[in-house]
Amino acid sequence: MKLKLLATAAVGAAALVLGQAPDGSLSVLTQAAAQVRPPVGTPLKAASDLLKQGKAQEAMAKIREAEAVPGRNADENATLEGLRLSAASRLGDADGMVKAYDALSAAGKLPAANKLPTMEAIAGTYLRAGNGAKALEWVNKYNAAGGNSPAIKQIQAAAQLRSGDVTTILKDTLADISADEKAGRTPSQDKLNTALWAANKKGDGASESVLIQKLLNYYPTKQLWAQSLGTLQAKKGFAAGRYQVDVLRLKLATENMSGANDYMELAQLAGAAGYPDEGKKVLDKGFSTGILKPTDDNARPKRLADLLDKRIAEAKTVAAAAEAEARKNGWTMVIVVLESNGAQVFAEKMDGTQYGSNEGALKKAQTSANFRRPSSFFQEQVKSGTLNPVFTGATAVEGGELLLVDGKIVGSIGVSGGSAAQDGMVARAGQAALK
């Protein structure tokens, strides 16, 4: 945090009695112009020269020498306090700066343009000295005087951090973040991290979650994603069984897979959820990085890859045979292939097929998968009066068939787009492709 430690305000504060040398440093004007008597002016001139040389401690000694002269006039006091402000600033002596500021303000010798910069410098000096309470006191004085510099906001946040007032820190920082976003500005990473720290200390989970999302949105990094995912999994109540596949997907997307086990777990979960193609891509990525090897763990990765390849091939074989049957007859259809657990593996809408057939084909396939029989079974039950037509547990229309390999159910197919008989014919053509 860069503050004006050279007390720019001191230049204006003693404008009646101080001038600027060509190098921009303070210099004492002639005694006649400044109405400074030699007993006061001589040590003050020495103090000014010492400040130019960077010898603030020695300059302060000369200032005290001038201060010991009795009966000083207004110009002498203004000169003395202006130099004190400069020397105290260089020495990090905030109390000395306050003494000079108060004296100059009371005498009307501190120009309005220099008031806020001086207050900001005092607040910053108190902060660097570790006095957060005093720093906040001067921040509040600065704000009350109408100041609004970005530097004072940083001083305020840092002082609040020292004070441990997390409620105020969170409130003020969230307000700043909101103001940035409303103005179309990206909040700084430091500001977001400060608010996140305060939310964590306060135990404000809702704000913490929002801030993590903002950090991931504005400043996404591999490390931040790793930290966020790790924190998520460690939270009480995290349902690993429900969300583990999504966590692993995020780890893969953000390059945070921790090893071969992560690749294997994600591939298995994706396959079990009815996404064999995704599972195979995960394994292929693991193989390409060298983290996962087909021969690891008695060739378990290779066996899983072969199984997923087989399921992908089966779904494509079924869909291709069904589509070929539809095209042969000049029909346009929607074809859906599901795993035995009802998870969708494949879906295709042939050009020209009505959009309503998307849902129809899926429901037929789900009926066969859920009840382990063709959807035409329910159609016949309704026709015979055995089944109430308002029964909503199944789609009682022909076009859904089970898929079997060696007599074992491996999935289902649903077709929609034509008449019930046409849908059934196309579905059975796909079914027959696995026999």
Protein backbone atom coordinates (compact mmCIF):
# COMPACT_ATOMS: atom_id res chain seq x y z
CA MET A 1 0.00 0.00 0.00
CA LYS A 2 1.67 3.18 -1.20
CA LEU A 3 1.07 6.22 0.93
CA LYS A 4 2.35 9.75 0.58
CA LEU A 5 4.95 9.39 3.28
CA LEU A 6 6.74 12.55 2.33
CA ALA A 7 3.69 14.46 3.54
CA THR A 8 2.79 16.33 0.39
CA ALA A 9 0.38 18.23 2.59
CA ALA A 10 3.28 19.86 4.39
CA VAL A 11 4.20 21.80 1.26
CA GLY A 12 0.84 23.48 1.14
CA ALA A 13 0.45 23.62 4.90
CA ALA A 14 3.36 26.01 5.26
CA ALA A 15 2.85 27.77 1.97
CA LEU A 16 3.23 31.18 3.59
CA VAL A 17 6.61 30.35 4.96
CA LEU A 18 7.91 27.45 2.90
CA GLY A 19 8.87 27.15 -0.73
CA GLN A 20 10.03 24.33 -3.01
CA ALA A 21 13.58 23.85 -4.17
CA PRO A 22 14.15 22.91 -7.85
CA ASP A 23 14.30 19.23 -6.79
CA GLY A 24 10.80 19.47 -5.24
CA SER A 25 11.93 19.29 -1.62
CA LEU A 26 10.99 21.72 1.15
CA SER A 27 13.08 24.85 1.63
CA VAL A 28 12.71 27.79 4.02
CA LEU A 29 12.08 31.15 2.43
CA THR A 30 13.89 34.30 3.52
CA GLN A 31 13.17 35.47 7.01
CA ALA A 32 11.84 38.75 5.73
CA ALA A 33 9.30 37.10 3.42
CA ALA A 34 8.26 34.55 6.05
CA GLN A 35 8.56 36.77 9.10
CA VAL A 36 10.63 34.12 10.86
CA ARG A 37 13.17 35.37 13.38
CA PRO A 38 16.72 33.98 13.29
CA PRO A 39 16.44 32.05 16.60
CA VAL A 40 13.58 30.05 15.03
CA GLY A 41 14.54 30.20 11.36
CA THR A 42 18.12 28.95 11.77
CA PRO A 43 17.24 25.52 13.26
CA LEU A 44 14.26 25.22 10.91
CA LYS A 45 16.50 25.90 7.89
CA ALA A 46 18.83 23.19 9.20
CA ALA A 47 15.85 20.85 9.60
CA SER A 48 14.79 21.50 6.02
CA ASP A 49 18.30 20.73 4.74
CA LEU A 50 18.45 17.53 6.80
CA LEU A 51 15.14 16.37 5.37
CA LYS A 52 16.53 16.86 1.87
CA GLN A 53 19.37 14.54 2.87
CA GLY A 54 16.95 11.92 4.20
CA LYS A 55 17.96 12.54 7.83
CA ALA A 56 14.53 12.81 9.41
CA GLN A 57 15.66 11.96 12.94
CA GLU A 58 18.25 14.74 12.95
CA ALA A 59 15.71 17.10 11.36
CA MET A 60 13.26 16.38 14.17
CA ALA A 61 15.92 17.33 16.74
CA LYS A 62 16.34 20.73 15.02
CA ILE A 63 12.56 21.19 14.98
CA ARG A 64 12.44 20.62 18.73
CA GLU A 65 15.26 23.18 19.11
CA ALA A 66 13.12 25.76 17.28
CA GLU A 67 10.11 24.71 19.33
CA ALA A 68 11.96 25.65 22.51
CA VAL A 69 12.13 29.31 21.41
CA PRO A 70 9.45 31.26 23.33
CA GLY A 71 7.01 33.75 21.85
CA ARG A 72 6.83 32.31 18.34
CA ASN A 73 4.59 34.10 15.84
CA ALA A 74 2.05 32.53 13.48
CA ASP A 75 4.50 32.20 10.56
CA GLU A 76 7.09 30.57 12.80
CA ASN A 77 4.57 28.08 14.14
CA ALA A 78 3.30 27.25 10.65
CA THR A 79 6.85 26.69 9.40
CA LEU A 80 7.69 24.55 12.39
CA GLU A 81 4.55 22.39 12.15
CA GLY A 82 4.90 21.95 8.39
CA LEU A 83 8.43 20.59 8.88
CA ARG A 84 7.27 18.46 11.81
CA LEU A 85 4.60 16.91 9.60
CA SER A 86 7.19 16.04 6.97
CA ALA A 87 9.74 14.66 9.44
CA ALA A 88 7.17 12.70 11.47
CA SER A 89 5.81 11.18 8.27
CA ARG A 90 9.26 9.94 7.29
CA LEU A 91 9.82 8.57 10.78
CA GLY A 92 6.48 6.75 10.87
CA ASP A 93 5.49 8.85 13.86
CA ALA A 94 1.72 9.11 13.46
CA ASP A 95 1.25 10.94 16.78
CA GLY A 96 3.74 13.59 15.63
CA MET A 97 1.84 13.93 12.34
CA VAL A 98 -1.43 14.40 14.25
CA LYS A 99 0.15 17.08 16.44
CA ALA A 100 1.29 19.00 13.35
CA TYR A 101 -2.03 18.48 11.54
CA ASP A 102 -4.07 19.74 14.49
CA ALA A 103 -1.86 22.79 14.94
CA LEU A 104 -1.95 23.73 11.26
CA SER A 105 -5.73 23.17 11.06
CA ALA A 106 -6.39 25.25 14.19
CA ALA A 107 -4.28 28.09 12.80
CA GLY A 108 -6.01 27.95 9.40
CA LYS A 109 -2.65 27.20 7.73
CA LEU A 110 -3.63 23.86 6.16
CA PRO A 111 -5.04 24.43 2.66
CA ALA A 112 -8.24 22.55 1.84
CA ALA A 113 -6.52 20.69 -1.01
CA ASN A 114 -4.01 19.20 1.44
CA LYS A 115 -6.43 18.21 4.20
CA LEU A 116 -7.56 14.83 2.81
CA PRO A 117 -4.09 13.65 1.66
CA THR A 118 -2.73 14.44 5.14
CA MET A 119 -5.54 12.52 6.86
CA GLU A 120 -4.96 9.57 4.53
CA ALA A 121 -1.22 9.62 5.33
CA ILE A 122 -1.94 9.68 9.09
CA ALA A 123 -4.34 6.71 8.80
CA GLY A 124 -1.78 4.75 6.79
CA THR A 125 1.00 5.53 9.24
CA TYR A 126 -1.07 4.31 12.19
CA LEU A 127 -1.88 1.15 10.26
CA ARG A 128 1.78 0.38 9.53
CA ALA A 129 2.52 0.93 13.21
CA GLY A 130 -0.02 -1.77 14.06
CA ASN A 131 -2.56 0.57 15.62
CA GLY A 132 -5.73 -0.52 13.81
CA ALA A 133 -8.06 1.40 16.12
CA LYS A 134 -6.33 4.73 15.47
CA ALA A 135 -6.12 3.95 11.75
CA LEU A 136 -9.90 3.40 11.67
CA GLU A 137 -10.43 6.61 13.64
CA TRP A 138 -8.64 8.59 10.95
CA VAL A 139 -10.32 6.66 8.15
CA ASN A 140 -13.66 7.71 9.63
CA LYS A 141 -12.47 11.33 9.87
CA TYR A 142 -11.35 11.15 6.24
CA ASN A 143 -14.71 9.72 5.11
CA ALA A 144 -16.61 12.33 7.15
CA ALA A 145 -14.61 15.03 5.38
CA GLY A 146 -15.86 13.72 2.02
CA GLY A 147 -12.86 11.66 0.91
CA ASN A 148 -13.27 8.64 -1.37
CA SER A 149 -9.85 7.48 -2.55
CA PRO A 150 -9.24 3.76 -3.32
CA ALA A 151 -6.19 3.87 -1.01
CA ILE A 152 -8.26 4.78 2.05
CA LYS A 153 -10.58 1.86 1.38
CA GLN A 154 -7.57 -0.46 1.45
CA ILE A 155 -6.40 1.11 4.70
CA GLN A 156 -9.89 0.68 6.15
CA ALA A 157 -10.08 -3.00 5.16
CA ALA A 158 -6.62 -3.73 6.53
CA ALA A 159 -7.39 -1.92 9.80
CA GLN A 160 -10.63 -3.84 10.17
CA LEU A 161 -8.72 -7.07 9.63
CA ARG A 162 -6.41 -6.13 12.46
CA SER A 163 -9.36 -5.28 14.68
CA GLY A 164 -11.08 -8.61 14.01
CA ASP A 165 -14.40 -6.90 13.25
CA VAL A 166 -15.41 -9.45 10.61
CA THR A 167 -19.06 -8.36 10.50
CA THR A 168 -18.12 -4.83 9.42
CA ILE A 169 -15.42 -6.11 7.08
CA LEU A 170 -17.87 -8.43 5.35
CA LYS A 171 -20.60 -5.80 5.10
CA ASP A 172 -18.31 -3.09 3.70
CA THR A 173 -16.42 -5.37 1.32
CA LEU A 174 -19.61 -6.92 -0.06
CA ALA A 175 -20.92 -3.40 -0.65
CA ASP A 176 -17.73 -2.51 -2.56
CA ILE A 177 -17.98 -5.70 -4.62
CA SER A 178 -21.61 -4.96 -5.46
CA ALA A 179 -20.72 -1.38 -6.45
CA ASP A 180 -17.97 -2.66 -8.75
CA GLU A 181 -20.30 -5.11 -10.46
CA LYS A 182 -23.07 -2.56 -10.90
CA ALA A 183 -20.55 -0.20 -12.51
CA GLY A 184 -19.40 -2.94 -14.87
CA ARG A 185 -16.03 -3.36 -13.13
CA THR A 186 -14.47 -6.65 -12.11
CA PRO A 187 -13.96 -6.71 -8.33
CA SER A 188 -10.32 -7.12 -7.37
CA GLN A 189 -9.14 -10.55 -6.30
CA ASP A 190 -7.88 -9.10 -3.01
CA LYS A 191 -11.31 -7.68 -2.29
CA LEU A 192 -13.04 -10.99 -3.00
CA ASN A 193 -10.52 -12.88 -0.87
CA THR A 194 -10.99 -10.44 2.01
CA ALA A 195 -14.76 -10.89 1.91
CA LEU A 196 -14.36 -14.67 1.68
CA TRP A 197 -12.08 -14.67 4.72
CA ALA A 198 -14.58 -12.59 6.70
CA ALA A 199 -17.51 -14.79 5.67
CA ASN A 200 -15.57 -17.88 6.73
CA LYS A 201 -14.64 -16.34 10.10
CA LYS A 202 -18.22 -15.25 10.68
CA GLY A 203 -19.62 -18.64 9.69
CA ASP A 204 -21.76 -17.08 6.94
CA GLY A 205 -22.05 -20.07 4.63
CA ALA A 206 -24.39 -18.35 2.16
CA SER A 207 -22.00 -15.43 1.55
CA GLU A 208 -19.05 -17.80 1.45
CA SER A 209 -20.71 -19.85 -1.30
CA VAL A 210 -21.53 -16.73 -3.35
CA LEU A 211 -17.98 -15.40 -3.01
CA ILE A 212 -16.41 -18.69 -4.06
CA GLN A 213 -18.60 -18.63 -7.16
CA LYS A 214 -17.47 -15.08 -7.93
CA LEU A 215 -13.81 -16.01 -7.52
CA LEU A 216 -14.27 -19.02 -9.81
CA ASN A 217 -16.06 -16.79 -12.31
CA TYR A 218 -13.62 -13.86 -12.29
CA TYR A 219 -10.31 -15.53 -11.37
CA PRO A 220 -10.56 -19.27 -12.16
CA THR A 221 -7.37 -21.21 -11.54
CA LYS A 222 -6.52 -24.86 -11.21
CA GLN A 223 -5.50 -24.29 -7.59
CA LEU A 224 -8.73 -22.47 -6.70
CA TRP A 225 -10.83 -25.24 -8.24
CA ALA A 226 -8.84 -27.85 -6.30
CA GLN A 227 -9.38 -25.94 -3.05
CA SER A 228 -13.09 -25.41 -3.71
CA LEU A 229 -13.75 -29.03 -4.63
CA GLY A 230 -11.78 -30.27 -1.64
CA THR A 231 -13.74 -27.99 0.68
CA LEU A 232 -17.02 -29.10 -0.87
CA GLN A 233 -16.31 -32.79 -0.32
CA ALA A 234 -15.22 -32.17 3.27
CA LYS A 235 -18.43 -30.34 4.20
CA LYS A 236 -20.78 -32.02 6.62
CA GLY A 237 -23.77 -33.46 4.82
CA PHE A 238 -22.07 -33.74 1.41
CA ALA A 239 -23.83 -36.61 -0.38
CA ALA A 240 -20.91 -38.35 -2.05
CA GLY A 241 -23.08 -41.05 -3.57
CA ARG A 242 -25.25 -38.46 -5.26
CA TYR A 243 -22.69 -35.91 -6.37
CA GLN A 244 -19.41 -37.81 -6.67
CA VAL A 245 -19.70 -38.20 -10.44
CA ASP A 246 -20.22 -34.44 -10.82
CA VAL A 247 -17.26 -33.66 -8.55
CA LEU A 248 -15.06 -35.95 -10.62
CA ARG A 249 -16.31 -34.35 -13.84
CA LEU A 250 -15.27 -30.95 -12.49
CA LYS A 251 -11.90 -32.32 -11.42
CA LEU A 252 -11.36 -33.65 -14.94
CA ALA A 253 -12.43 -30.38 -16.57
CA THR A 254 -10.12 -28.32 -14.30
CA GLU A 255 -7.15 -30.70 -14.57
CA ASN A 256 -7.38 -31.72 -10.92
CA MET A 257 -7.63 -35.49 -11.25
CA SER A 258 -5.51 -36.81 -8.39
CA GLY A 259 -4.45 -40.11 -9.92
CA ALA A 260 -5.41 -43.30 -11.70
CA ASN A 261 -8.18 -44.04 -9.19
CA ASP A 262 -10.01 -40.83 -10.11
CA TYR A 263 -10.02 -41.78 -13.80
CA MET A 264 -11.23 -45.30 -13.05
CA GLU A 265 -13.93 -44.13 -10.65
CA LEU A 266 -15.32 -41.52 -13.05
CA ALA A 267 -15.31 -43.99 -15.96
CA GLN A 268 -17.16 -46.58 -13.88
CA LEU A 269 -19.71 -44.09 -12.54
CA ALA A 270 -20.35 -42.66 -16.01
CA GLY A 271 -20.85 -46.14 -17.42
CA ALA A 272 -23.18 -47.13 -14.58
CA ALA A 273 -25.21 -43.94 -15.12
CA GLY A 274 -25.75 -44.91 -18.75
CA TYR A 275 -22.99 -42.86 -20.36
CA PRO A 276 -20.54 -45.44 -21.71
CA ASP A 277 -19.25 -43.02 -24.32
CA GLU A 278 -18.28 -40.52 -21.59
CA GLY A 279 -16.69 -43.30 -19.55
CA LYS A 280 -14.58 -44.41 -22.48
CA LYS A 281 -13.41 -40.84 -23.16
CA VAL A 282 -12.34 -40.53 -19.51
CA LEU A 283 -10.26 -43.71 -19.79
CA ASP A 284 -8.74 -42.55 -23.07
CA LYS A 285 -7.69 -39.27 -21.45
CA GLY A 286 -6.16 -41.14 -18.54
CA PHE A 287 -4.26 -43.38 -20.97
CA SER A 288 -3.04 -40.38 -23.02
CA THR A 289 -1.64 -38.62 -19.94
CA GLY A 290 0.17 -41.76 -18.84
CA ILE A 291 -1.43 -41.56 -15.39
CA LEU A 292 -3.58 -44.58 -16.18
CA LYS A 293 -2.19 -47.65 -17.95
CA PRO A 294 -4.30 -50.42 -19.53
CA THR A 295 -2.24 -53.05 -17.71
CA ASP A 296 -2.62 -51.51 -14.23
CA ASP A 297 -4.27 -53.60 -11.48
CA ASN A 298 -4.22 -56.85 -13.47
CA ALA A 299 -5.45 -55.09 -16.64
CA ARG A 300 -8.60 -53.75 -14.93
CA PRO A 301 -8.57 -50.47 -16.93
CA LYS A 302 -8.40 -52.44 -20.19
CA ARG A 303 -11.30 -54.68 -19.17
CA LEU A 304 -13.40 -51.64 -18.32
CA ALA A 305 -12.50 -49.97 -21.62
CA ASP A 306 -13.46 -53.13 -23.52
CA LEU A 307 -16.79 -53.32 -21.68
CA LEU A 308 -17.62 -49.69 -22.42
CA ASP A 309 -16.63 -50.13 -26.07
CA LYS A 310 -18.96 -53.13 -26.27
CA ARG A 311 -21.89 -51.20 -24.82
CA ILE A 312 -21.29 -48.28 -27.16
CA ALA A 313 -21.09 -50.63 -30.13
CA GLU A 314 -24.28 -52.43 -29.07
CA ALA A 315 -26.23 -49.17 -28.83
CA LYS A 316 -24.98 -48.02 -32.23
CA THR A 317 -25.74 -51.41 -33.78
CA VAL A 318 -29.31 -51.36 -32.47
CA ALA A 319 -29.90 -47.76 -33.59
CA ALA A 320 -28.37 -48.34 -37.05
CA ALA A 321 -30.59 -51.40 -37.67
CA ALA A 322 -33.71 -49.54 -36.55
CA GLU A 323 -32.87 -46.53 -38.73
CA ALA A 324 -32.21 -48.78 -41.73
CA GLU A 325 -35.65 -50.37 -41.30
CA ALA A 326 -37.31 -46.98 -41.10
CA ARG A 327 -35.53 -45.67 -44.17
CA LYS A 328 -36.35 -48.83 -46.13
CA ASN A 329 -40.02 -48.09 -45.58
CA GLY A 330 -39.77 -44.36 -46.08
CA TRP A 331 -40.61 -43.53 -42.45
CA THR A 332 -39.10 -40.84 -40.28
CA MET A 333 -38.61 -41.81 -36.66
CA VAL A 334 -37.10 -40.89 -33.32
CA ILE A 335 -34.98 -43.75 -31.94
CA VAL A 336 -33.89 -43.95 -28.27
CA VAL A 337 -31.68 -46.65 -26.73
CA LEU A 338 -31.48 -47.08 -22.94
CA GLU A 339 -29.32 -49.08 -20.54
CA SER A 340 -31.06 -51.77 -18.52
CA ASN A 341 -31.22 -49.28 -15.60
CA GLY A 342 -33.11 -46.78 -17.75
CA ALA A 343 -30.17 -44.44 -18.44
CA GLN A 344 -30.12 -43.05 -21.97
CA VAL A 345 -27.24 -44.23 -24.16
CA PHE A 346 -28.31 -43.08 -27.60
CA ALA A 347 -30.96 -40.87 -29.19
CA GLU A 348 -31.54 -39.85 -32.78
CA LYS A 349 -34.21 -37.82 -34.50
CA MET A 350 -34.33 -38.52 -38.23
CA ASP A 351 -34.83 -35.46 -40.45
CA GLY A 352 -38.50 -34.57 -40.85
CA THR A 353 -39.71 -36.36 -37.72
CA GLN A 354 -42.24 -34.52 -35.57
CA TYR A 355 -40.77 -33.09 -32.37
CA GLY A 356 -43.43 -34.69 -30.20
CA SER A 357 -41.95 -38.08 -31.03
CA ASN A 358 -38.86 -37.30 -28.91
CA GLU A 359 -40.82 -37.79 -25.69
CA GLY A 360 -42.88 -40.63 -27.13
CA ALA A 361 -39.82 -42.71 -28.05
CA LEU A 362 -38.20 -42.11 -24.66
CA LYS A 363 -41.34 -43.12 -22.73
CA LYS A 364 -41.72 -46.31 -24.73
CA ALA A 365 -38.10 -47.27 -24.06
CA GLN A 366 -38.56 -46.44 -20.36
CA THR A 367 -41.71 -48.57 -20.18
CA SER A 368 -39.85 -51.60 -21.53
CA ALA A 369 -36.83 -51.01 -19.26
CA ASN A 370 -38.91 -50.41 -16.12
CA PHE A 371 -41.38 -53.30 -16.55
CA ARG A 372 -39.10 -55.74 -18.38
CA ARG A 373 -41.51 -56.29 -21.25
CA PRO A 374 -42.49 -54.68 -24.58
CA SER A 375 -44.72 -51.60 -24.43
CA SER A 376 -47.13 -53.47 -26.72
CA PHE A 377 -48.02 -55.68 -23.73
CA PHE A 378 -49.76 -52.73 -22.08
CA GLN A 379 -51.41 -51.75 -25.35
CA GLU A 380 -53.01 -55.20 -25.56
CA GLN A 381 -54.03 -55.08 -21.90
CA VAL A 382 -55.88 -51.83 -22.50
CA LYS A 383 -57.58 -53.22 -25.61
CA SER A 384 -58.78 -56.28 -23.73
CA GLY A 385 -60.07 -54.20 -20.85
CA THR A 386 -57.65 -55.78 -18.38
CA LEU A 387 -55.81 -52.51 -17.83
CA ASN A 388 -57.42 -49.17 -17.10
CA PRO A 389 -56.49 -46.78 -19.95
CA VAL A 390 -55.78 -44.00 -17.45
CA PHE A 391 -52.96 -46.07 -15.89
CA THR A 392 -49.95 -43.74 -15.96
CA GLY A 393 -47.20 -46.12 -14.93
CA ALA A 394 -46.48 -47.15 -18.53
CA THR A 395 -46.89 -45.96 -22.10
CA ALA A 396 -49.43 -48.38 -23.52
CA VAL A 397 -48.41 -47.97 -27.17
CA GLU A 398 -46.39 -50.33 -29.34
CA GLY A 399 -42.81 -49.27 -30.11
CA GLY A 400 -40.83 -50.14 -26.98
CA GLU A 401 -38.81 -53.38 -26.93
CA LEU A 402 -36.26 -55.04 -24.65
CA LEU A 403 -32.70 -55.60 -25.82
CA LEU A 404 -31.18 -58.97 -24.93
CA VAL A 405 -27.77 -60.55 -25.32
CA ASP A 406 -27.54 -64.29 -24.65
CA GLY A 407 -30.95 -64.09 -23.02
CA LYS A 408 -29.90 -61.35 -20.61
CA ILE A 409 -31.59 -57.93 -20.64
CA VAL A 410 -29.01 -55.27 -21.51
CA GLY A 411 -31.32 -52.37 -22.34
CA SER A 412 -34.34 -51.24 -24.31
CA ILE A 413 -35.25 -49.37 -27.48
CA GLY A 414 -38.10 -46.94 -28.03
CA VAL A 415 -39.35 -45.73 -31.39
CA SER A 416 -41.93 -43.08 -32.27
CA GLY A 417 -42.92 -41.20 -35.40
CA GLY A 418 -45.24 -43.50 -37.32
CA SER A 419 -48.26 -45.58 -36.47
CA ALA A 420 -48.02 -47.87 -33.46
CA ALA A 421 -47.48 -50.86 -35.79
CA GLN A 422 -44.75 -49.03 -37.73
CA ASP A 423 -43.01 -47.98 -34.54
CA GLY A 424 -43.10 -51.58 -33.31
CA MET A 425 -41.68 -52.90 -36.57
CA VAL A 426 -38.72 -50.50 -36.45
CA ALA A 427 -38.10 -51.21 -32.74
CA ARG A 428 -38.04 -54.96 -33.36
CA ALA A 429 -35.59 -54.49 -36.24
CA GLY A 430 -33.23 -52.80 -33.83
CA GLN A 431 -33.84 -55.49 -31.22
CA ALA A 432 -33.02 -58.25 -33.72
CA ALA A 433 -29.62 -56.69 -34.48
CA LEU A 434 -28.27 -57.96 -31.14
CA LYS A 435 -29.39 -61.56 -31.63
